[in-house]
Protein backbone atom coordinates (compact mmCIF):
# COMPACT_ATOMS: atom_id res chain seq x y z
CA MET A 1 26.28 -48.96 -25.44
CA THR A 2 22.52 -49.12 -27.09
CA THR A 3 20.54 -51.84 -28.53
CA THR A 4 17.66 -51.20 -30.90
CA ALA A 5 15.27 -53.68 -32.53
CA THR A 6 11.66 -53.78 -33.45
CA LEU A 7 8.93 -54.94 -31.03
CA ASP A 8 6.32 -55.51 -33.82
CA PRO A 9 5.31 -59.36 -33.75
CA GLU A 10 4.11 -59.03 -37.33
CA ALA A 11 7.16 -57.46 -38.80
CA PRO A 12 9.88 -59.19 -40.29
CA VAL A 13 12.54 -60.51 -37.86
CA VAL A 14 15.43 -58.05 -37.60
CA HIS A 15 18.74 -58.65 -35.90
CA PRO A 16 19.48 -56.34 -33.08
CA THR A 17 22.07 -53.45 -33.69
CA VAL A 18 24.70 -53.06 -31.19
CA ARG A 19 26.34 -49.61 -31.05
CA VAL A 20 29.52 -49.17 -29.01
CA ARG A 21 31.29 -46.06 -27.85
CA HIS A 22 35.17 -46.09 -27.83
CA PRO A 23 36.38 -43.64 -25.41
CA LYS A 24 39.74 -44.38 -24.97
CA PRO A 25 41.51 -42.14 -27.57
CA ALA A 26 39.18 -39.29 -26.72
CA ILE A 27 40.27 -39.72 -23.14
CA THR A 28 43.96 -40.03 -24.08
CA LEU A 29 43.74 -36.68 -26.08
CA ALA A 30 42.09 -34.97 -23.39
CA VAL A 31 44.77 -35.96 -20.63
CA VAL A 32 47.62 -34.77 -23.17
CA THR A 33 45.67 -31.75 -23.73
CA VAL A 34 45.36 -30.97 -19.73
CA LEU A 35 48.87 -31.90 -19.22
CA LEU A 36 50.19 -29.67 -21.70
CA GLY A 37 47.90 -26.70 -20.87
CA ALA A 38 49.19 -26.76 -17.36
CA LEU A 39 52.73 -27.17 -18.41
CA PHE A 40 52.47 -23.99 -20.95
CA LEU A 41 50.43 -22.02 -18.57
CA LEU A 42 52.36 -22.72 -15.17
CA ALA A 43 55.77 -22.54 -16.97
CA GLY A 44 55.16 -20.36 -19.90
CA ARG A 45 58.40 -19.17 -21.94
CA ASP A 46 59.04 -15.98 -24.04
CA GLY A 47 61.07 -15.38 -27.04
CA VAL A 48 61.49 -16.61 -30.40
CA THR A 49 61.83 -20.51 -31.42
CA ARG A 50 63.75 -21.17 -34.53
CA PHE A 51 63.42 -24.58 -36.26
CA GLY A 52 66.15 -25.41 -38.32
CA LEU A 53 64.59 -27.40 -41.84
CA GLY A 54 67.75 -27.87 -43.63
CA GLY A 55 67.34 -28.91 -47.26
CA GLY A 56 69.64 -29.55 -50.21
CA GLU A 57 71.46 -27.23 -52.84
CA ALA A 58 68.47 -26.81 -54.94
CA LEU A 59 65.75 -26.15 -52.50
CA SER A 60 66.75 -25.11 -48.83
CA LEU A 61 64.22 -24.03 -46.24
CA GLY A 62 66.99 -22.76 -43.70
CA GLU A 63 65.52 -21.54 -40.54
CA VAL A 64 61.87 -20.65 -39.83
CA SER A 65 61.40 -18.45 -36.57
CA VAL A 66 58.16 -18.28 -34.67
CA PRO A 67 57.12 -16.32 -31.46
CA THR A 68 56.92 -18.71 -28.76
CA ALA A 69 54.25 -17.73 -26.58
CA PRO A 70 51.56 -16.96 -29.30
CA ALA A 71 52.44 -20.19 -31.05
CA VAL A 72 52.20 -22.18 -27.99
CA LEU A 73 48.63 -20.86 -27.07
CA THR A 74 47.43 -20.95 -30.51
CA SER A 75 48.33 -24.70 -30.60
CA LEU A 76 46.75 -25.37 -27.14
CA VAL A 77 43.52 -23.97 -28.45
CA LEU A 78 43.73 -26.19 -31.62
CA LEU A 79 44.38 -29.08 -29.22
CA ALA A 80 41.43 -28.42 -27.40
CA ALA A 81 39.18 -28.04 -30.22
CA LEU A 82 40.57 -31.52 -31.72
CA THR A 83 39.76 -33.18 -28.29
CA ALA A 84 36.24 -31.62 -28.27
CA VAL A 85 35.83 -33.27 -31.79
CA ALA A 86 37.09 -36.48 -30.61
CA VAL A 87 34.67 -36.51 -27.85
CA TRP A 88 31.80 -35.70 -29.92
CA ASP A 89 32.64 -38.64 -31.99
CA VAL A 90 32.58 -40.71 -28.89
CA TRP A 91 28.88 -39.31 -28.19
CA ALA A 92 27.86 -40.02 -31.86
CA TYR A 93 29.22 -43.82 -31.46
CA ARG A 94 31.97 -43.25 -34.00
CA ARG A 95 35.55 -44.17 -33.83
CA THR A 96 38.05 -41.46 -33.57
CA ARG A 97 39.08 -40.56 -37.06
CA LEU A 98 42.98 -41.14 -38.16
CA TRP A 99 43.54 -37.78 -39.56
CA LEU A 100 42.31 -36.32 -36.18
CA THR A 101 44.74 -38.23 -34.15
CA LEU A 102 47.70 -37.49 -36.65
CA ALA A 103 46.66 -33.90 -36.56
CA PHE A 104 46.71 -33.83 -32.88
CA GLY A 105 50.05 -35.62 -32.60
CA LEU A 106 51.67 -33.18 -34.95
CA ILE A 107 50.20 -29.82 -33.16
CA ALA A 108 51.15 -31.21 -29.75
CA LEU A 109 54.69 -31.92 -30.82
CA PHE A 110 55.04 -28.66 -32.50
CA ALA A 111 53.94 -26.83 -29.43
CA PHE A 112 56.05 -28.84 -27.08
CA LEU A 113 59.12 -28.25 -29.18
CA THR A 114 58.29 -24.59 -29.54
CA TRP A 115 58.00 -24.23 -25.86
CA SER A 116 61.22 -25.84 -25.16
CA GLY A 117 63.29 -24.39 -27.53
CA ALA A 118 62.38 -20.98 -26.61
CA GLY A 119 65.18 -18.87 -27.51
CA GLY A 120 67.16 -21.40 -29.31
CA LEU A 121 67.26 -23.60 -32.26
CA VAL A 122 65.39 -26.81 -32.84
CA PRO A 123 67.20 -28.79 -35.59
CA VAL A 124 64.28 -30.60 -37.13
CA VAL A 125 66.48 -32.70 -39.61
CA ASN A 126 68.66 -34.10 -36.74
CA LEU A 127 65.76 -34.73 -34.73
CA PHE A 128 64.14 -37.09 -37.20
CA GLY A 129 67.55 -38.59 -38.34
CA GLY A 130 68.47 -39.61 -34.91
CA ALA A 131 64.93 -40.81 -34.28
CA LEU A 132 65.36 -43.08 -37.25
CA SER A 133 68.90 -44.01 -36.41
CA ILE A 134 67.64 -45.47 -33.00
CA SER A 135 64.77 -47.13 -34.52
CA VAL A 136 66.91 -49.19 -37.00
CA PRO A 137 67.61 -52.11 -34.58
CA ILE A 138 64.18 -52.09 -33.02
CA VAL A 139 62.58 -52.39 -36.26
CA PHE A 140 64.59 -55.41 -37.41
CA GLY A 141 63.99 -57.06 -33.78
CA ALA A 142 60.03 -56.21 -34.05
CA LEU A 143 59.93 -57.74 -37.56
CA GLY A 144 61.72 -60.97 -36.37
CA GLY A 145 59.15 -61.06 -33.37
CA VAL A 146 56.10 -60.61 -35.82
CA ILE A 147 57.30 -63.47 -37.81
CA GLY A 148 57.95 -65.59 -34.70
CA GLU A 149 54.58 -65.01 -32.98
CA ARG A 150 52.59 -65.31 -36.42
CA VAL A 151 53.97 -68.54 -36.84
CA GLY A 152 53.17 -69.65 -33.24
CA VAL A 153 56.56 -69.23 -31.37
CA VAL A 154 56.98 -66.20 -29.11
CA ASN A 155 60.30 -64.85 -29.75
CA VAL A 156 61.47 -63.65 -26.25
CA ALA A 157 64.89 -63.96 -27.52
CA ILE A 158 65.17 -60.91 -29.71
CA GLU A 159 67.60 -59.26 -27.24
CA GLY A 160 69.80 -62.02 -27.59
CA GLN A 161 69.67 -62.11 -31.36
CA LEU A 162 70.57 -58.63 -31.59
CA LEU A 163 73.49 -58.81 -29.03
CA LEU A 164 75.01 -61.93 -30.87
CA GLY A 165 74.37 -60.33 -34.14
CA ALA A 166 76.27 -57.11 -33.11
CA PHE A 167 79.17 -59.44 -31.66
CA SER A 168 79.53 -61.40 -34.83
CA ALA A 169 79.32 -58.59 -36.99
CA ALA A 170 82.17 -56.85 -35.18
CA ILE A 171 84.55 -59.82 -35.42
CA LEU A 172 83.78 -60.63 -39.14
CA GLY A 173 83.56 -57.07 -39.85
CA SER A 174 87.30 -56.54 -38.47
CA VAL A 175 88.68 -59.53 -39.84
CA THR A 176 87.74 -59.11 -43.32
CA GLY A 177 87.30 -55.40 -43.56
CA SER A 178 84.17 -55.58 -45.07
CA PRO A 179 80.77 -54.36 -43.60
CA TYR A 180 78.70 -56.45 -45.86
CA VAL A 181 80.71 -59.89 -44.49
CA GLY A 182 79.98 -58.21 -41.16
CA LEU A 183 76.31 -58.03 -41.89
CA ILE A 184 76.36 -61.60 -42.91
CA GLY A 185 78.00 -62.69 -39.68
CA ALA A 186 75.37 -60.65 -37.60
CA MET A 187 72.71 -62.66 -39.57
CA ILE A 188 74.38 -65.98 -38.67
CA GLY A 189 74.81 -64.79 -34.99
CA GLY A 190 70.98 -64.05 -34.94
CA VAL A 191 70.17 -67.53 -36.57
CA LEU A 192 72.41 -69.35 -33.87
CA VAL A 193 70.10 -68.12 -31.22
CA ALA A 194 67.00 -68.64 -33.20
CA LEU A 195 67.91 -72.32 -33.91
CA VAL A 196 68.43 -73.10 -29.98
CA LEU A 197 65.03 -71.40 -29.54
CA ALA A 198 63.26 -73.47 -32.20
CA ALA A 199 64.90 -76.96 -31.13
CA PHE A 200 63.85 -76.52 -27.37
CA SER A 201 60.41 -75.09 -28.05
CA ILE A 202 59.40 -76.89 -30.95
CA LYS A 203 61.02 -80.14 -30.75
CA TYR A 204 61.48 -80.63 -26.88
CA LEU A 205 58.41 -78.84 -25.91
CA VAL A 206 59.96 -76.44 -23.45
CA ASP A 207 58.02 -73.43 -22.61
CA GLN A 208 59.23 -70.68 -25.20
CA VAL A 209 58.99 -67.88 -22.56
CA ILE A 210 61.40 -69.61 -20.05
CA VAL A 211 63.77 -70.46 -23.26
CA GLY A 212 63.95 -66.88 -24.56
CA VAL A 213 64.66 -65.55 -21.06
CA VAL A 214 67.35 -68.14 -20.58
CA LEU A 215 68.72 -67.59 -24.01
CA ASN A 216 68.99 -63.74 -23.21
CA VAL A 217 70.96 -64.28 -20.21
CA LEU A 218 73.22 -67.03 -21.67
CA VAL A 219 74.24 -64.75 -24.81
CA THR A 220 74.52 -61.61 -22.49
CA GLY A 221 77.11 -63.74 -20.34
CA LEU A 222 78.62 -65.36 -23.20
CA THR A 223 79.44 -62.08 -25.06
CA GLY A 224 80.67 -60.54 -22.10
CA PHE A 225 83.04 -63.29 -21.37
CA LEU A 226 84.25 -63.47 -25.06
CA TYR A 227 84.64 -59.54 -25.03
CA GLY A 228 86.76 -59.79 -22.02
CA ILE A 229 89.16 -62.35 -23.38
CA LEU A 230 89.09 -62.17 -26.95
CA LEU A 231 88.25 -58.70 -27.98
CA VAL A 232 89.83 -56.51 -25.44
CA PRO A 233 93.19 -57.89 -25.63
CA ASN A 234 92.94 -57.82 -29.53
CA GLU A 235 90.94 -54.73 -29.97
CA LEU A 236 92.69 -53.36 -33.07
CA VAL A 237 92.32 -56.61 -34.95
CA LEU A 238 88.97 -58.07 -33.92
CA ASN A 239 87.01 -54.88 -32.52
CA ARG A 240 87.67 -52.38 -35.44
CA PRO A 241 84.93 -53.21 -37.94
CA ALA A 242 84.61 -51.64 -41.39
CA THR A 243 81.61 -49.59 -41.16
CA PHE A 244 78.87 -48.78 -43.96
CA PRO A 245 79.36 -45.43 -45.57
CA ARG A 246 76.35 -43.17 -46.21
CA LEU A 247 74.90 -43.70 -49.54
CA PRO A 248 72.70 -40.64 -50.47
CA ILE A 249 70.12 -41.28 -53.21
CA PRO A 250 70.49 -38.43 -55.92
CA GLY A 251 67.38 -36.45 -56.44
CA LEU A 252 65.62 -37.78 -53.33
CA VAL A 253 67.99 -36.66 -50.82
CA GLU A 254 67.31 -33.01 -52.11
CA ILE A 255 63.72 -33.09 -50.59
CA PRO A 256 63.59 -30.73 -47.71
CA VAL A 257 63.40 -32.18 -44.15
CA LEU A 258 62.55 -35.73 -45.17
CA GLY A 259 65.19 -36.18 -47.89
CA PRO A 260 68.36 -35.84 -45.76
CA VAL A 261 66.46 -38.00 -43.16
CA LEU A 262 65.31 -40.80 -45.27
CA PHE A 263 67.65 -40.88 -48.47
CA ASN A 264 71.20 -40.25 -46.69
CA GLN A 265 71.59 -43.33 -45.19
CA PRO A 266 73.84 -46.18 -44.91
CA PHE A 267 73.02 -49.62 -46.95
CA ILE A 268 71.50 -51.36 -43.81
CA VAL A 269 68.93 -48.69 -43.43
CA TYR A 270 67.74 -49.13 -46.97
CA LEU A 271 67.85 -52.77 -46.12
CA MET A 272 65.20 -52.10 -43.60
CA TYR A 273 63.01 -50.53 -45.64
CA ALA A 274 63.17 -53.37 -48.12
CA THR A 275 62.66 -55.78 -45.37
CA VAL A 276 59.61 -54.09 -43.88
CA ALA A 277 58.04 -53.95 -47.38
CA LEU A 278 58.92 -57.76 -48.37
CA VAL A 279 57.85 -58.85 -44.83
CA ALA A 280 54.08 -57.13 -45.05
CA TRP A 281 53.65 -58.26 -48.59
CA GLY A 282 54.79 -61.64 -48.21
CA LEU A 283 52.78 -62.06 -44.96
CA TYR A 284 49.52 -61.17 -46.75
CA ARG A 285 49.87 -61.96 -50.53
CA THR A 286 52.01 -64.75 -50.74
CA ARG A 287 51.62 -68.76 -50.17
CA TRP A 288 54.56 -68.61 -47.45
CA GLY A 289 52.64 -65.92 -45.58
CA LEU A 290 49.19 -67.81 -45.56
CA ARG A 291 50.85 -71.17 -44.44
CA LEU A 292 52.54 -69.15 -41.79
CA ARG A 293 49.61 -67.50 -40.53
CA ALA A 294 47.50 -70.60 -40.72
CA VAL A 295 50.11 -72.45 -38.38
CA GLY A 296 49.92 -69.68 -35.82
CA GLU A 297 46.12 -69.53 -35.68
CA HIS A 298 45.01 -73.01 -35.99
CA PRO A 299 47.79 -75.68 -36.39
CA GLN A 300 45.25 -78.55 -36.30
CA ALA A 301 43.51 -77.03 -39.25
CA ALA A 302 46.50 -76.53 -41.13
CA ASP A 303 47.87 -80.03 -40.32
CA THR A 304 44.65 -81.80 -41.95
CA VAL A 305 45.38 -79.76 -45.12
CA GLY A 306 48.94 -80.89 -45.55
CA ILE A 307 50.99 -78.28 -43.96
CA LYS A 308 53.73 -79.52 -42.11
CA VAL A 309 53.35 -77.40 -38.70
CA ASN A 310 56.38 -78.00 -36.83
CA PRO A 311 58.81 -77.61 -39.84
CA THR A 312 57.07 -74.34 -40.85
CA ARG A 313 57.47 -73.23 -37.45
CA PHE A 314 61.20 -74.26 -37.34
CA TRP A 315 62.39 -72.47 -40.55
CA ASN A 316 60.33 -69.41 -39.98
CA VAL A 317 61.65 -68.88 -36.35
CA CYS A 318 65.18 -69.39 -37.95
CA LEU A 319 64.04 -66.74 -40.67
CA ALA A 320 63.10 -64.33 -37.76
CA GLY A 321 66.64 -64.98 -36.27
CA VAL A 322 68.20 -63.82 -39.49
CA ILE A 323 66.14 -60.64 -39.65
CA ALA A 324 66.66 -59.82 -35.81
CA GLY A 325 70.51 -60.56 -36.09
CA ALA A 326 70.63 -58.01 -39.07
CA GLY A 327 69.25 -55.61 -36.62
CA GLY A 328 72.56 -56.05 -34.27
CA ALA A 329 74.81 -55.44 -37.31
CA TYR A 330 73.71 -51.86 -36.97
CA PHE A 331 75.12 -51.19 -33.58
CA THR A 332 78.85 -52.24 -34.64
CA LEU A 333 78.74 -51.56 -38.32
CA VAL A 334 77.01 -48.06 -38.15
CA SER A 335 76.06 -47.00 -34.91
CA VAL A 336 79.26 -47.15 -32.37
CA PRO A 337 81.16 -48.78 -34.35
CA GLN A 338 82.69 -51.51 -32.13
CA PHE A 339 81.22 -54.06 -29.97
CA GLY A 340 80.92 -53.19 -26.26
CA GLU A 341 79.52 -55.49 -23.30
CA GLY A 342 75.71 -55.23 -23.23
CA MET A 343 75.41 -52.70 -25.84
CA THR A 344 71.94 -53.44 -26.89
CA ALA A 345 70.65 -52.23 -23.64
CA GLY A 346 67.21 -53.87 -23.74
CA LEU A 347 66.12 -52.79 -27.05
CA GLY A 348 65.46 -56.35 -28.00
CA PHE A 349 62.67 -56.06 -25.24
CA ILE A 350 61.37 -52.75 -26.72
CA ALA A 351 61.07 -54.52 -29.88
CA LEU A 352 58.99 -57.26 -28.47
CA ALA A 353 56.69 -54.37 -27.16
CA ALA A 354 56.48 -53.00 -30.62
CA VAL A 355 55.30 -56.38 -31.85
CA ILE A 356 52.16 -56.14 -29.38
CA PHE A 357 51.66 -52.37 -30.15
CA GLY A 358 51.79 -53.15 -33.85
CA ARG A 359 49.23 -55.74 -33.41
CA TRP A 360 51.51 -58.39 -34.73
CA ASP A 361 51.54 -56.27 -38.20
CA PRO A 362 54.91 -55.77 -39.86
CA ILE A 363 54.21 -52.07 -40.88
CA ARG A 364 52.41 -51.07 -37.56
CA ALA A 365 55.30 -52.85 -35.56
CA ALA A 366 57.83 -50.80 -37.49
CA LEU A 367 55.80 -47.50 -36.85
CA ALA A 368 55.70 -48.25 -33.19
CA ALA A 369 59.36 -48.92 -33.13
CA LEU A 370 59.98 -45.61 -35.05
CA LEU A 371 57.65 -43.89 -32.38
CA PHE A 372 59.96 -45.22 -29.40
CA GLY A 373 63.03 -44.30 -31.21
CA PHE A 374 61.65 -40.74 -31.91
CA ALA A 375 60.74 -40.22 -28.19
CA THR A 376 64.18 -41.31 -27.17
CA ASN A 377 65.93 -38.90 -29.43
CA LEU A 378 63.30 -36.10 -28.39
CA GLN A 379 64.73 -36.73 -24.75
CA ASN A 380 68.26 -36.42 -26.00
CA LEU A 381 67.09 -33.00 -27.85
CA LEU A 382 65.50 -31.63 -24.97
CA THR A 383 68.39 -32.06 -22.76
CA VAL A 384 70.59 -30.21 -25.13
CA LEU A 385 68.24 -27.36 -25.41
CA GLY A 386 68.08 -26.95 -21.74
CA SER A 387 64.26 -27.74 -21.19
CA PRO A 388 63.28 -26.76 -17.84
CA ILE A 389 61.72 -30.06 -17.29
CA PRO A 390 63.69 -32.03 -14.66
CA GLY A 391 66.04 -34.76 -16.01
CA GLN A 392 64.28 -37.51 -14.27
CA PHE A 393 61.19 -36.90 -16.27
CA MET A 394 63.13 -36.51 -19.45
CA GLN A 395 64.49 -40.23 -18.90
CA MET A 396 60.79 -41.22 -18.64
CA LEU A 397 59.57 -39.63 -21.71
CA PRO A 398 60.02 -42.50 -24.11
CA TYR A 399 58.21 -44.89 -21.93
CA VAL A 400 55.46 -42.33 -21.04
CA VAL A 401 54.88 -41.90 -24.76
CA THR A 402 54.83 -45.61 -25.34
CA ILE A 403 52.38 -46.22 -22.37
CA LEU A 404 50.06 -43.55 -23.55
CA ALA A 405 50.17 -44.72 -27.03
CA VAL A 406 49.45 -48.57 -26.09
CA ALA A 407 46.62 -47.62 -23.56
CA GLY A 408 44.73 -45.06 -25.43
CA PHE A 409 44.84 -46.39 -28.85
CA VAL A 410 45.71 -49.96 -28.79
CA GLY A 411 44.12 -51.20 -25.66
CA GLN A 412 43.27 -54.97 -25.49
CA SER A 413 44.39 -56.69 -28.31
CA ARG A 414 44.58 -60.39 -29.28
CA GLY A 415 47.56 -62.26 -30.81
CA PRO A 416 47.73 -65.38 -33.03
CA ALA A 417 45.82 -68.02 -31.18
CA ALA A 418 48.31 -70.70 -31.21
CA ALA A 419 51.27 -68.48 -30.14
CA GLY A 420 53.21 -70.13 -27.33
CA LYS A 421 51.55 -73.20 -27.72
CA PRO A 422 53.42 -76.15 -28.72
CA TYR A 423 51.77 -78.28 -31.32
CA ILE A 424 51.69 -82.39 -30.86
CA LYS A 425 50.27 -84.16 -33.84
CA GLY A 426 47.57 -86.31 -33.13
């Protein structure tokens, strides 16, 4: 860090200019380059890697074959060059440019998949499609977390909202034979958990984190108990919900690679797209979003201009529960499709991490959720491809990717100032 200012007493007063270096992204790129270089050079693989790109009837890309060793070494040279550019940016007091980070990530992914799939086929469409599938409940949960924390309530109960949403969707979807009724049931399950969270944390001023943890344990025990005494004996009647069919969008589904991934999905995935867009627009472009952010940042100031702080918090926490509960419906109405004990498997906590990773922004939080889903599905794909990486390291992959992303590109971040703090008027 350097400081420059004029020392001439007769010169006009000039405020000092502070220049700060931001080395974390460059360090992260260098670490990744070294790790990949060591992997590729010490465990070199020969042969040809085939990438299945798919496509529609109008335009099909089929398979693309690349020689493994030359492609990997060329990619490694490009990664080293991009790392050098990032280091130069740090030396010149510039932030690492977004295009550089994106290019580095794509090349690193291509190199790793090429090395892992030597002599085999890498199904690109299935890789991205599976990543999106894993990410759907995490995105819904992260959106609920963003709304909750933006309004001043830390929503640790996302796991419970997802789980009760999945349970409710299974029962109502089975009884009525309609996945849409099951989806409404999931929203009701999520809002029930949110109501308890809001009542105890806002009205009775109980610590929000403690309430959230207790609710997660309570919902896990409750759904497990009801599963044993209610769903298991009546499985054919209460745990065989109707599922959402895939709804391909004509024209868009024909786009190679991304078309089948994004536009050949069930209704709930399209609902996720719309929810991300609506929350992002509403949070920054509407009166509702302005009031919500004001209550989460400075409730005293919001109160002085006539905003009812605690009612605003209460109803927005309920809205967050509705959104998170909808994510639970994906487990039982699309993915499994029936309820299983503890089936959310901690994804609610991953959604909470995505909120922080995304800096309490709905679009960034959704992208963080997609990153974790991609890393998880990549682990599954590498297992199928017979990657020489030990299985224990494969299981660590999603969490290692998340840690590198948070430590290298997010670093220290500040949430809403009043998040987690109860408001007592006067």
